[in-house]
Amino acid sequence: MEVRERLKWPFGLALASLSALVLSTGIHGQAGWAKPAFAGQTNAPAPPKPSAPFAVQTITNRLSGPWSVAFLPDGTFLVTEANGTLRIVRHDGVVSAPLS
């Protein structure tokens, strides 16, 4: 038996065992049978007043994986993208070339 063949079996067994452990831990952690530490712990109070209504408005769809946004005083936004670029987006939807 080749060395490569002899190493496949223990590695595969270890990988299968690790996968089973991770899956069982995830299932156990999300189980609905967990008990609260004290009575009433999970009874969150109702908010004092309803949230203010809001509207969602799309400013632009020309970003590739927007990641984070910072609002500037003049009404523009600094937007980082998942690939690491930084862009300025104006309130009228104009997107700058990458700054970084």
Foldseek 3Di string as FASTA:
>chain_A
DDPVVVVVVVVVVVVVVVVVVVVVVVCVVPDPPDDDPDPPPPVDDDDPDDDDDDDDDDQEDPDAAWDDWDADPVQWIWTAHPVGFIWIAHSNGDIDDTPD
